[in-house]
Structure formats: C-alpha cells, structure tokens
C-alpha cells in the first residue's frame, strides 16, 4: 500500500510552490527597488583639487582615487552577485508558479498536471541519484530518502487511485 496519495501530492506541490515563491518574490521586489534607486541616483561629483595643487593635495587626490577605484570594484562585484541572485529568484518564481499550478491541476485530476508533476519529480529523483553516487556514507541517507519518496510519488501519480474532483 502506497502511503502517498494524489491529494497529498497536490498539497505538497501547492505548499512547495508557496515556499519557493515567496522568498523569490521578495528578492525580485528588493532587486526592483534597488534598480529604481540606482537609476534615479545622481552621479557622484568629481573632486576638484584646483589648478595648481601642492604635494599634500596630490597625495590626498591619489588616495581618494585609490579608494574610489576599490569601492567601484567592490560595487561591481556586489552588483554581479545581486544580478545572479535576481536571476535565480526569477527562475525560482517560475518553478514556484509551475508547482502551484501543478498542485491545483492535481486537485482537479488533470492529466497535464500528472505529466508536469512526473517531469518535476523525475528531475528531483535524478538529482538525488547523482548525489547518492557522489556522496560518502551518511551523506547518502537524505538523497536515498528523496529517491524512495519520489518513486512512491510517481507510483501514486500513475497507478494510485484517481480522485474525483468535486
């Protein structure tokens, strides 16, 4: 007897979609706010040390240019990391919407939802299989559990009792 039912899978997909979608949505909103603030910001003014600066002013000018270059480099690296996080959040939001819609489709006993759920579960099982083959000893336990649960879920999708949509 399979302990996993289609109704349970529908709930898991809807909850998983919400669990992945909310943090992704927060990151994308923060990225949008950051981008708008960055576009509306005024450029930093150029420091002017005069036409004929003396030695102390030249040293200060050199130090400010070094600090400015280091800050620009750090800002560029941070922007690249933030862009990558936003891209990952966008992909996470698409996955979350797919999971939520799949859960709703499973509740309605739609065939397309069974196919979509099978593809998503097969992907998770394949990733877990690679992890089982890559990890040592106790690290294999969690991916093995995912493989077993994924196989039971796939069995429930295609060979379990069909629910009647109400």
N, C-alpha and C. Protein backbone atom coordinates (compact mmCIF):
# COMPACT_ATOMS: atom_id res chain seq x y z
N UNK A 1 0.83 -1.17 0.00
CA UNK A 1 0.00 0.00 0.00
C UNK A 1 0.88 1.24 0.00
N UNK A 2 0.63 2.11 -0.93
CA UNK A 2 1.42 3.33 -1.08
C UNK A 2 0.94 4.39 -0.08
N UNK A 3 1.84 4.91 0.77
CA UNK A 3 1.41 5.91 1.76
C UNK A 3 1.19 7.31 1.15
N UNK A 4 1.58 7.48 -0.10
CA UNK A 4 1.45 8.79 -0.74
C UNK A 4 0.24 8.74 -1.68
N UNK A 5 -0.62 9.74 -1.55
CA UNK A 5 -1.80 9.83 -2.41
C UNK A 5 -1.67 11.05 -3.32
N UNK A 6 -2.53 11.10 -4.32
CA UNK A 6 -2.52 12.24 -5.24
C UNK A 6 -2.93 13.51 -4.51
N UNK A 7 -3.87 13.39 -3.57
CA UNK A 7 -4.29 14.56 -2.79
C UNK A 7 -3.13 15.11 -1.95
N UNK A 8 -2.34 14.20 -1.37
CA UNK A 8 -1.16 14.63 -0.61
C UNK A 8 -0.15 15.30 -1.54
N UNK A 9 0.06 14.74 -2.71
CA UNK A 9 0.99 15.34 -3.68
C UNK A 9 0.52 16.73 -4.10
N UNK A 10 -0.80 16.89 -4.31
CA UNK A 10 -1.32 18.19 -4.68
C UNK A 10 -1.03 19.22 -3.59
N UNK A 11 -1.21 18.83 -2.33
CA UNK A 11 -0.92 19.73 -1.22
C UNK A 11 0.57 20.06 -1.14
N UNK A 12 1.41 19.04 -1.35
CA UNK A 12 2.86 19.25 -1.30
C UNK A 12 3.30 20.20 -2.42
N UNK A 13 2.75 20.01 -3.61
CA UNK A 13 3.13 20.90 -4.71
C UNK A 13 2.67 22.33 -4.44
N UNK A 14 1.46 22.51 -3.91
CA UNK A 14 0.99 23.87 -3.63
C UNK A 14 1.81 24.51 -2.51
N UNK A 15 2.09 23.76 -1.44
CA UNK A 15 2.90 24.30 -0.36
C UNK A 15 4.33 24.57 -0.82
N UNK A 16 4.89 23.65 -1.61
CA UNK A 16 6.25 23.86 -2.15
C UNK A 16 6.32 25.08 -3.05
N UNK A 17 5.28 25.29 -3.85
CA UNK A 17 5.25 26.48 -4.70
C UNK A 17 5.24 27.75 -3.88
N UNK A 18 4.47 27.76 -2.80
CA UNK A 18 4.43 28.93 -1.93
C UNK A 18 5.77 29.11 -1.20
N UNK A 19 6.35 28.00 -0.75
CA UNK A 19 7.62 28.07 -0.01
C UNK A 19 8.77 28.56 -0.87
N UNK A 20 8.75 28.24 -2.16
CA UNK A 20 9.81 28.71 -3.06
C UNK A 20 9.47 30.10 -3.61
N UNK A 21 8.19 30.34 -3.84
CA UNK A 21 7.77 31.58 -4.49
C UNK A 21 7.89 32.82 -3.63
N UNK A 22 7.57 32.72 -2.35
CA UNK A 22 7.61 33.91 -1.50
C UNK A 22 9.01 34.50 -1.35
N UNK A 23 10.03 33.69 -1.03
CA UNK A 23 11.37 34.29 -0.97
C UNK A 23 11.85 34.81 -2.32
N UNK A 24 11.48 34.11 -3.39
CA UNK A 24 11.88 34.58 -4.72
C UNK A 24 11.22 35.92 -5.04
N UNK A 25 9.96 36.05 -4.67
CA UNK A 25 9.25 37.30 -4.91
C UNK A 25 9.86 38.44 -4.10
N UNK A 26 10.25 38.15 -2.86
CA UNK A 26 10.88 39.17 -2.02
C UNK A 26 12.20 39.63 -2.64
N UNK A 27 13.01 38.69 -3.11
CA UNK A 27 14.29 39.06 -3.73
C UNK A 27 14.06 39.89 -4.99
N UNK A 28 13.08 39.52 -5.80
CA UNK A 28 12.81 40.28 -7.01
C UNK A 28 12.29 41.68 -6.71
N UNK A 29 11.48 41.83 -5.67
CA UNK A 29 10.99 43.17 -5.28
C UNK A 29 12.16 44.01 -4.78
N UNK A 30 13.02 43.43 -3.96
CA UNK A 30 14.20 44.17 -3.48
C UNK A 30 15.12 44.56 -4.65
N UNK A 31 15.26 43.67 -5.62
CA UNK A 31 16.08 43.97 -6.79
C UNK A 31 15.46 45.12 -7.60
N UNK A 32 14.14 45.11 -7.73
CA UNK A 32 13.47 46.19 -8.46
C UNK A 32 13.64 47.52 -7.73
N UNK A 33 13.49 47.52 -6.42
CA UNK A 33 13.68 48.75 -5.64
C UNK A 33 15.11 49.24 -5.78
N UNK A 34 16.07 48.33 -5.68
CA UNK A 34 17.48 48.72 -5.82
C UNK A 34 17.76 49.30 -7.21
N UNK A 35 17.20 48.68 -8.24
CA UNK A 35 17.44 49.14 -9.60
C UNK A 35 16.83 50.52 -9.83
N UNK A 36 15.63 50.74 -9.32
CA UNK A 36 14.99 52.06 -9.47
C UNK A 36 15.79 53.12 -8.73
N UNK A 37 16.20 52.81 -7.50
CA UNK A 37 17.01 53.78 -6.74
C UNK A 37 18.34 54.07 -7.44
N UNK A 38 18.92 53.04 -8.04
CA UNK A 38 20.20 53.21 -8.73
C UNK A 38 20.02 54.09 -9.97
N UNK A 39 18.92 53.91 -10.69
CA UNK A 39 18.67 54.70 -11.90
C UNK A 39 18.36 56.16 -11.57
N UNK A 40 17.71 56.40 -10.42
CA UNK A 40 17.32 57.75 -10.05
C UNK A 40 18.40 58.50 -9.28
N UNK A 41 19.45 57.82 -8.87
CA UNK A 41 20.52 58.45 -8.09
C UNK A 41 21.32 59.42 -8.94
N UNK A 42 21.73 60.50 -8.32
CA UNK A 42 22.58 61.46 -9.02
C UNK A 42 24.01 60.96 -9.02
N UNK A 43 24.75 61.23 -10.09
CA UNK A 43 26.14 60.78 -10.13
C UNK A 43 26.98 61.52 -9.07
N UNK A 44 27.99 60.84 -8.57
CA UNK A 44 28.85 61.45 -7.57
C UNK A 44 29.68 62.54 -8.22
N UNK A 45 29.82 63.67 -7.55
CA UNK A 45 30.59 64.78 -8.14
C UNK A 45 32.09 64.47 -8.15
N UNK A 46 32.75 65.01 -9.12
CA UNK A 46 34.20 64.86 -9.24
C UNK A 46 34.88 65.77 -8.23
N UNK A 47 35.84 65.22 -7.50
CA UNK A 47 36.56 66.06 -6.54
C UNK A 47 37.55 66.94 -7.30
N UNK A 48 37.58 68.18 -6.95
CA UNK A 48 38.44 69.15 -7.63
C UNK A 48 39.45 69.68 -6.63
N UNK A 49 40.72 69.50 -6.96
CA UNK A 49 41.79 69.95 -6.07
C UNK A 49 42.45 71.23 -6.58
N UNK A 50 41.83 71.88 -7.55
CA UNK A 50 42.36 73.14 -8.05
C UNK A 50 43.30 72.96 -9.22
N UNK A 51 43.73 74.08 -9.78
CA UNK A 51 44.60 74.05 -10.95
C UNK A 51 46.05 73.75 -10.59
N UNK A 52 46.49 74.19 -9.42
CA UNK A 52 47.88 74.04 -9.03
C UNK A 52 47.97 73.48 -7.61
N UNK A 53 47.65 72.16 -7.44
CA UNK A 53 47.67 71.61 -6.08
C UNK A 53 49.10 71.40 -5.59
N UNK A 54 49.26 71.48 -4.28
CA UNK A 54 50.59 71.23 -3.71
C UNK A 54 50.74 69.74 -3.42
N UNK A 55 51.82 69.34 -2.80
CA UNK A 55 52.15 67.94 -2.58
C UNK A 55 51.13 67.20 -1.71
N UNK A 56 50.65 67.86 -0.65
CA UNK A 56 49.69 67.22 0.25
C UNK A 56 48.38 66.95 -0.49
N UNK A 57 47.96 67.93 -1.30
CA UNK A 57 46.73 67.75 -2.06
C UNK A 57 46.89 66.65 -3.12
N UNK A 58 48.06 66.52 -3.71
CA UNK A 58 48.30 65.44 -4.67
C UNK A 58 48.23 64.07 -4.00
N UNK A 59 48.77 63.97 -2.77
CA UNK A 59 48.68 62.72 -2.02
C UNK A 59 47.22 62.41 -1.70
N UNK A 60 46.47 63.41 -1.26
CA UNK A 60 45.05 63.21 -0.97
C UNK A 60 44.27 62.81 -2.24
N UNK A 61 44.62 63.43 -3.36
CA UNK A 61 43.96 63.09 -4.61
C UNK A 61 44.27 61.65 -5.00
N UNK A 62 45.50 61.23 -4.85
CA UNK A 62 45.88 59.85 -5.17
C UNK A 62 45.16 58.86 -4.26
N UNK A 63 45.10 59.17 -2.96
CA UNK A 63 44.41 58.29 -2.02
C UNK A 63 42.92 58.20 -2.35
N UNK A 64 42.31 59.31 -2.69
CA UNK A 64 40.88 59.28 -3.00
C UNK A 64 40.62 58.50 -4.28
N UNK A 65 41.54 58.58 -5.25
CA UNK A 65 41.37 57.80 -6.47
C UNK A 65 41.52 56.30 -6.20
N UNK A 66 42.45 55.92 -5.33
CA UNK A 66 42.63 54.51 -4.99
C UNK A 66 41.40 53.97 -4.26
N UNK A 67 40.90 54.75 -3.30
CA UNK A 67 39.71 54.33 -2.55
C UNK A 67 38.50 54.27 -3.47
N UNK A 68 38.39 55.23 -4.38
CA UNK A 68 37.28 55.24 -5.33
C UNK A 68 37.34 54.03 -6.26
N UNK A 69 38.52 53.69 -6.72
CA UNK A 69 38.66 52.51 -7.59
C UNK A 69 38.31 51.23 -6.84
N UNK A 70 38.78 51.10 -5.60
CA UNK A 70 38.45 49.91 -4.79
C UNK A 70 36.96 49.83 -4.52
N UNK A 71 36.33 50.98 -4.23
CA UNK A 71 34.89 50.98 -3.99
C UNK A 71 34.12 50.64 -5.26
N UNK A 72 34.55 51.14 -6.39
CA UNK A 72 33.89 50.80 -7.66
C UNK A 72 34.02 49.31 -7.97
N UNK A 73 35.20 48.73 -7.70
CA UNK A 73 35.40 47.30 -7.92
C UNK A 73 34.50 46.47 -7.01
N UNK A 74 34.44 46.84 -5.72
CA UNK A 74 33.58 46.12 -4.78
C UNK A 74 32.11 46.28 -5.17
N UNK A 75 31.73 47.47 -5.60
CA UNK A 75 30.35 47.70 -6.04
C UNK A 75 30.00 46.89 -7.28
N UNK A 76 30.95 46.78 -8.20
CA UNK A 76 30.71 45.98 -9.40
C UNK A 76 30.55 44.50 -9.07
N UNK A 77 31.38 43.99 -8.17
CA UNK A 77 31.27 42.59 -7.76
C UNK A 77 29.94 42.35 -7.04
N UNK A 78 29.56 43.28 -6.16
CA UNK A 78 28.29 43.15 -5.45
C UNK A 78 27.12 43.20 -6.43
N UNK A 79 27.20 44.04 -7.45
CA UNK A 79 26.13 44.13 -8.44
C UNK A 79 26.01 42.83 -9.24
N UNK A 80 27.14 42.22 -9.57
CA UNK A 80 27.11 40.94 -10.29
C UNK A 80 26.46 39.86 -9.42
N UNK A 81 26.81 39.81 -8.14
CA UNK A 81 26.21 38.83 -7.23
C UNK A 81 24.71 39.08 -7.09
N UNK A 82 24.32 40.34 -6.97
CA UNK A 82 22.91 40.70 -6.84
C UNK A 82 22.14 40.36 -8.12
N UNK A 83 22.76 40.58 -9.28
CA UNK A 83 22.13 40.21 -10.56
C UNK A 83 21.93 38.70 -10.65
N UNK A 84 22.94 37.95 -10.21
CA UNK A 84 22.81 36.49 -10.25
C UNK A 84 21.73 36.01 -9.28
N UNK A 85 21.64 36.64 -8.11
CA UNK A 85 20.59 36.28 -7.16
C UNK A 85 19.21 36.60 -7.73
N UNK A 86 19.09 37.71 -8.44
CA UNK A 86 17.80 38.06 -9.05
C UNK A 86 17.45 37.08 -10.17
N UNK A 87 18.43 36.65 -10.94
CA UNK A 87 18.16 35.66 -11.99
C UNK A 87 17.72 34.33 -11.37
N UNK A 88 18.38 33.92 -10.30
CA UNK A 88 17.98 32.69 -9.61
C UNK A 88 16.59 32.84 -9.00
N UNK A 89 16.29 34.02 -8.47
CA UNK A 89 14.96 34.26 -7.91
C UNK A 89 13.89 34.23 -9.00
N UNK A 90 14.22 34.74 -10.17
CA UNK A 90 13.28 34.67 -11.29
C UNK A 90 13.00 33.23 -11.69
N UNK A 91 14.05 32.42 -11.76
CA UNK A 91 13.86 31.00 -12.07
C UNK A 91 13.08 30.31 -10.95
N UNK A 92 13.36 30.68 -9.71
CA UNK A 92 12.62 30.12 -8.58
C UNK A 92 11.15 30.49 -8.61
N UNK A 93 10.86 31.72 -9.04
CA UNK A 93 9.46 32.15 -9.14
C UNK A 93 8.73 31.38 -10.23
N UNK A 94 9.40 31.15 -11.35
CA UNK A 94 8.79 30.35 -12.42
C UNK A 94 8.53 28.92 -11.93
N UNK A 95 9.49 28.34 -11.22
CA UNK A 95 9.31 27.00 -10.66
C UNK A 95 8.18 26.99 -9.64
N UNK A 96 8.10 28.02 -8.82
CA UNK A 96 7.04 28.09 -7.81
C UNK A 96 5.67 28.18 -8.45
N UNK A 97 5.53 28.98 -9.48
CA UNK A 97 4.25 29.09 -10.18
C UNK A 97 3.90 27.76 -10.83
N UNK A 98 4.90 27.10 -11.41
CA UNK A 98 4.67 25.79 -12.02
C UNK A 98 4.21 24.78 -10.98
N UNK A 99 4.87 24.76 -9.83
CA UNK A 99 4.47 23.82 -8.77
C UNK A 99 3.07 24.12 -8.26
N UNK A 100 2.76 25.39 -8.05
CA UNK A 100 1.44 25.75 -7.54
C UNK A 100 0.36 25.36 -8.54
N UNK A 101 0.57 25.67 -9.81
CA UNK A 101 -0.41 25.30 -10.83
C UNK A 101 -0.53 23.78 -10.96
N UNK A 102 0.57 23.08 -10.81
CA UNK A 102 0.54 21.62 -10.86
C UNK A 102 -0.27 21.07 -9.69
N UNK A 103 -0.09 21.63 -8.52
CA UNK A 103 -0.87 21.20 -7.36
C UNK A 103 -2.36 21.43 -7.59
N UNK A 104 -2.70 22.59 -8.15
CA UNK A 104 -4.11 22.86 -8.46
C UNK A 104 -4.63 21.89 -9.51
N UNK A 105 -3.82 21.58 -10.51
CA UNK A 105 -4.23 20.63 -11.53
C UNK A 105 -4.39 19.22 -11.00
N UNK A 106 -3.51 18.84 -10.06
CA UNK A 106 -3.65 17.52 -9.45
C UNK A 106 -4.93 17.43 -8.63
N UNK A 107 -5.30 18.53 -7.97
CA UNK A 107 -6.55 18.54 -7.23
C UNK A 107 -7.74 18.33 -8.18
N UNK A 108 -7.64 18.90 -9.38
CA UNK A 108 -8.72 18.79 -10.36
C UNK A 108 -8.60 17.51 -11.19
N UNK A 109 -7.62 16.67 -10.91
CA UNK A 109 -7.39 15.40 -11.60
C UNK A 109 -7.12 15.60 -13.09
N UNK A 110 -6.31 16.61 -13.41
CA UNK A 110 -5.97 16.90 -14.80
C UNK A 110 -4.78 16.06 -15.24
N UNK A 111 -4.85 15.55 -16.47
CA UNK A 111 -3.76 14.72 -16.99
C UNK A 111 -2.49 15.53 -17.18
N UNK A 112 -2.62 16.78 -17.63
CA UNK A 112 -1.44 17.62 -17.83
C UNK A 112 -0.69 17.82 -16.51
N UNK A 113 -1.44 17.89 -15.40
CA UNK A 113 -0.80 18.07 -14.10
C UNK A 113 -0.03 16.82 -13.70
N UNK A 114 -0.57 15.64 -14.04
CA UNK A 114 0.16 14.41 -13.75
C UNK A 114 1.47 14.35 -14.54
N UNK A 115 1.40 14.78 -15.80
CA UNK A 115 2.61 14.78 -16.63
C UNK A 115 3.63 15.78 -16.08
N UNK A 116 3.16 16.98 -15.75
CA UNK A 116 4.06 18.00 -15.22
C UNK A 116 4.66 17.55 -13.89
N UNK A 117 3.84 17.00 -13.02
CA UNK A 117 4.35 16.50 -11.73
C UNK A 117 5.35 15.38 -11.94
N UNK A 118 5.11 14.53 -12.92
CA UNK A 118 6.05 13.44 -13.21
C UNK A 118 7.40 13.98 -13.67
N UNK A 119 7.36 15.00 -14.53
CA UNK A 119 8.61 15.59 -15.01
C UNK A 119 9.37 16.24 -13.85
N UNK A 120 8.65 16.99 -13.01
CA UNK A 120 9.31 17.63 -11.87
C UNK A 120 9.86 16.60 -10.89
N UNK A 121 9.08 15.58 -10.60
CA UNK A 121 9.56 14.54 -9.68
C UNK A 121 10.73 13.75 -10.27
N UNK A 122 10.67 13.48 -11.57
CA UNK A 122 11.79 12.76 -12.20
C UNK A 122 13.07 13.59 -12.13
N UNK A 123 12.96 14.90 -12.30
CA UNK A 123 14.13 15.77 -12.17
C UNK A 123 14.71 15.72 -10.77
N UNK A 124 13.85 15.78 -9.76
CA UNK A 124 14.31 15.71 -8.37
C UNK A 124 14.96 14.36 -8.09
N UNK A 125 14.35 13.29 -8.58
CA UNK A 125 14.91 11.95 -8.36
C UNK A 125 16.27 11.81 -9.05
N UNK A 126 16.40 12.36 -10.26
CA UNK A 126 17.70 12.27 -10.95
C UNK A 126 18.79 13.05 -10.22
N UNK A 127 18.45 14.23 -9.71
CA UNK A 127 19.43 14.99 -8.93
C UNK A 127 19.81 14.23 -7.66
N UNK A 128 18.82 13.63 -7.00
CA UNK A 128 19.11 12.84 -5.80
C UNK A 128 19.96 11.62 -6.13
N UNK A 129 19.72 11.02 -7.28
CA UNK A 129 20.53 9.87 -7.70
C UNK A 129 21.99 10.28 -7.93
N UNK A 130 22.21 11.42 -8.55
CA UNK A 130 23.57 11.91 -8.73
C UNK A 130 24.23 12.18 -7.37
N UNK A 131 23.46 12.75 -6.44
CA UNK A 131 24.02 12.99 -5.10
C UNK A 131 24.36 11.69 -4.38
N UNK A 132 23.53 10.66 -4.54
CA UNK A 132 23.82 9.36 -3.91
C UNK A 132 25.12 8.79 -4.46
N UNK A 133 25.32 8.97 -5.76
CA UNK A 133 26.54 8.45 -6.37
C UNK A 133 27.76 9.30 -6.04
N UNK A 134 27.55 10.54 -5.63
CA UNK A 134 28.67 11.46 -5.37
C UNK A 134 29.09 11.51 -3.91
N UNK A 135 28.17 11.30 -2.99
CA UNK A 135 28.46 11.48 -1.57
C UNK A 135 28.93 10.18 -0.93
N UNK A 136 29.53 10.33 0.26
CA UNK A 136 30.02 9.18 1.02
C UNK A 136 29.13 8.93 2.23
N UNK A 137 29.09 7.70 2.67
CA UNK A 137 28.48 7.18 3.89
C UNK A 137 27.18 7.88 4.30
N UNK A 138 27.19 8.63 5.38
CA UNK A 138 25.96 9.19 5.95
C UNK A 138 25.34 10.26 5.06
N UNK A 139 26.14 10.87 4.21
CA UNK A 139 25.62 11.89 3.29
C UNK A 139 24.65 11.32 2.27
N UNK A 140 24.70 10.02 2.06
CA UNK A 140 23.81 9.38 1.08
C UNK A 140 22.40 9.17 1.61
N UNK A 141 22.20 9.29 2.90
CA UNK A 141 20.92 8.96 3.51
C UNK A 141 19.78 9.86 3.02
N UNK A 142 19.98 11.17 3.05
CA UNK A 142 18.92 12.09 2.63
C UNK A 142 18.57 11.93 1.14
N UNK A 143 19.55 11.87 0.23
CA UNK A 143 19.19 11.64 -1.16
C UNK A 143 18.50 10.29 -1.40
N UNK A 144 18.88 9.26 -0.65
CA UNK A 144 18.20 7.97 -0.77
C UNK A 144 16.73 8.08 -0.36
N UNK A 145 16.48 8.84 0.69
CA UNK A 145 15.09 9.05 1.13
C UNK A 145 14.30 9.81 0.05
N UNK A 146 14.94 10.78 -0.58
CA UNK A 146 14.29 11.52 -1.66
C UNK A 146 13.97 10.60 -2.83
N UNK A 147 14.88 9.70 -3.15
CA UNK A 147 14.65 8.75 -4.25
C UNK A 147 13.47 7.84 -3.94
N UNK A 148 13.41 7.32 -2.71
CA UNK A 148 12.31 6.44 -2.33
C UNK A 148 10.99 7.19 -2.36
N UNK A 149 10.96 8.39 -1.77
CA UNK A 149 9.72 9.18 -1.77
C UNK A 149 9.32 9.58 -3.18
N UNK A 150 10.29 9.91 -4.02
CA UNK A 150 9.99 10.25 -5.41
C UNK A 150 9.41 9.07 -6.18
N UNK A 151 9.96 7.88 -5.94
CA UNK A 151 9.43 6.69 -6.61
C UNK A 151 8.01 6.39 -6.13
N UNK A 152 7.76 6.54 -4.84
CA UNK A 152 6.40 6.34 -4.32
C UNK A 152 5.44 7.38 -4.89
N UNK A 153 5.91 8.63 -5.02
CA UNK A 153 5.06 9.68 -5.57
C UNK A 153 4.74 9.41 -7.03
N UNK A 154 5.73 8.98 -7.80
CA UNK A 154 5.48 8.64 -9.21
C UNK A 154 4.50 7.47 -9.32
N UNK A 155 4.64 6.49 -8.44
CA UNK A 155 3.71 5.36 -8.42
C UNK A 155 2.29 5.85 -8.10
N UNK A 156 2.18 6.74 -7.14
CA UNK A 156 0.86 7.27 -6.77
C UNK A 156 0.24 8.07 -7.92
N UNK A 157 1.07 8.77 -8.67
CA UNK A 157 0.55 9.58 -9.78
C UNK A 157 -0.07 8.72 -10.87
N UNK A 158 0.59 7.63 -11.20
CA UNK A 158 0.16 6.87 -12.38
C UNK A 158 -0.58 5.59 -12.05
N UNK A 159 -0.36 5.03 -10.88
CA UNK A 159 -1.02 3.77 -10.56
C UNK A 159 -1.91 3.86 -9.32
N UNK A 160 -1.93 5.03 -8.67
CA UNK A 160 -2.76 5.21 -7.48
C UNK A 160 -4.21 5.40 -7.86
N UNK A 161 -5.05 5.42 -6.85
CA UNK A 161 -6.48 5.61 -7.08
C UNK A 161 -6.74 7.03 -7.52
N UNK A 162 -7.51 7.17 -8.57
CA UNK A 162 -7.86 8.50 -9.07
C UNK A 162 -8.93 9.11 -8.16
N UNK A 163 -8.73 10.38 -7.87
CA UNK A 163 -9.73 11.07 -7.05
C UNK A 163 -10.76 11.71 -7.96
N UNK A 164 -11.93 11.88 -7.44
CA UNK A 164 -13.00 12.54 -8.21
C UNK A 164 -13.01 14.00 -7.79
N UNK A 165 -12.87 14.89 -8.77
CA UNK A 165 -12.86 16.33 -8.50
C UNK A 165 -14.25 16.77 -8.08
N UNK A 166 -14.30 17.54 -7.01
CA UNK A 166 -15.62 18.00 -6.57
C UNK A 166 -15.83 19.45 -6.86
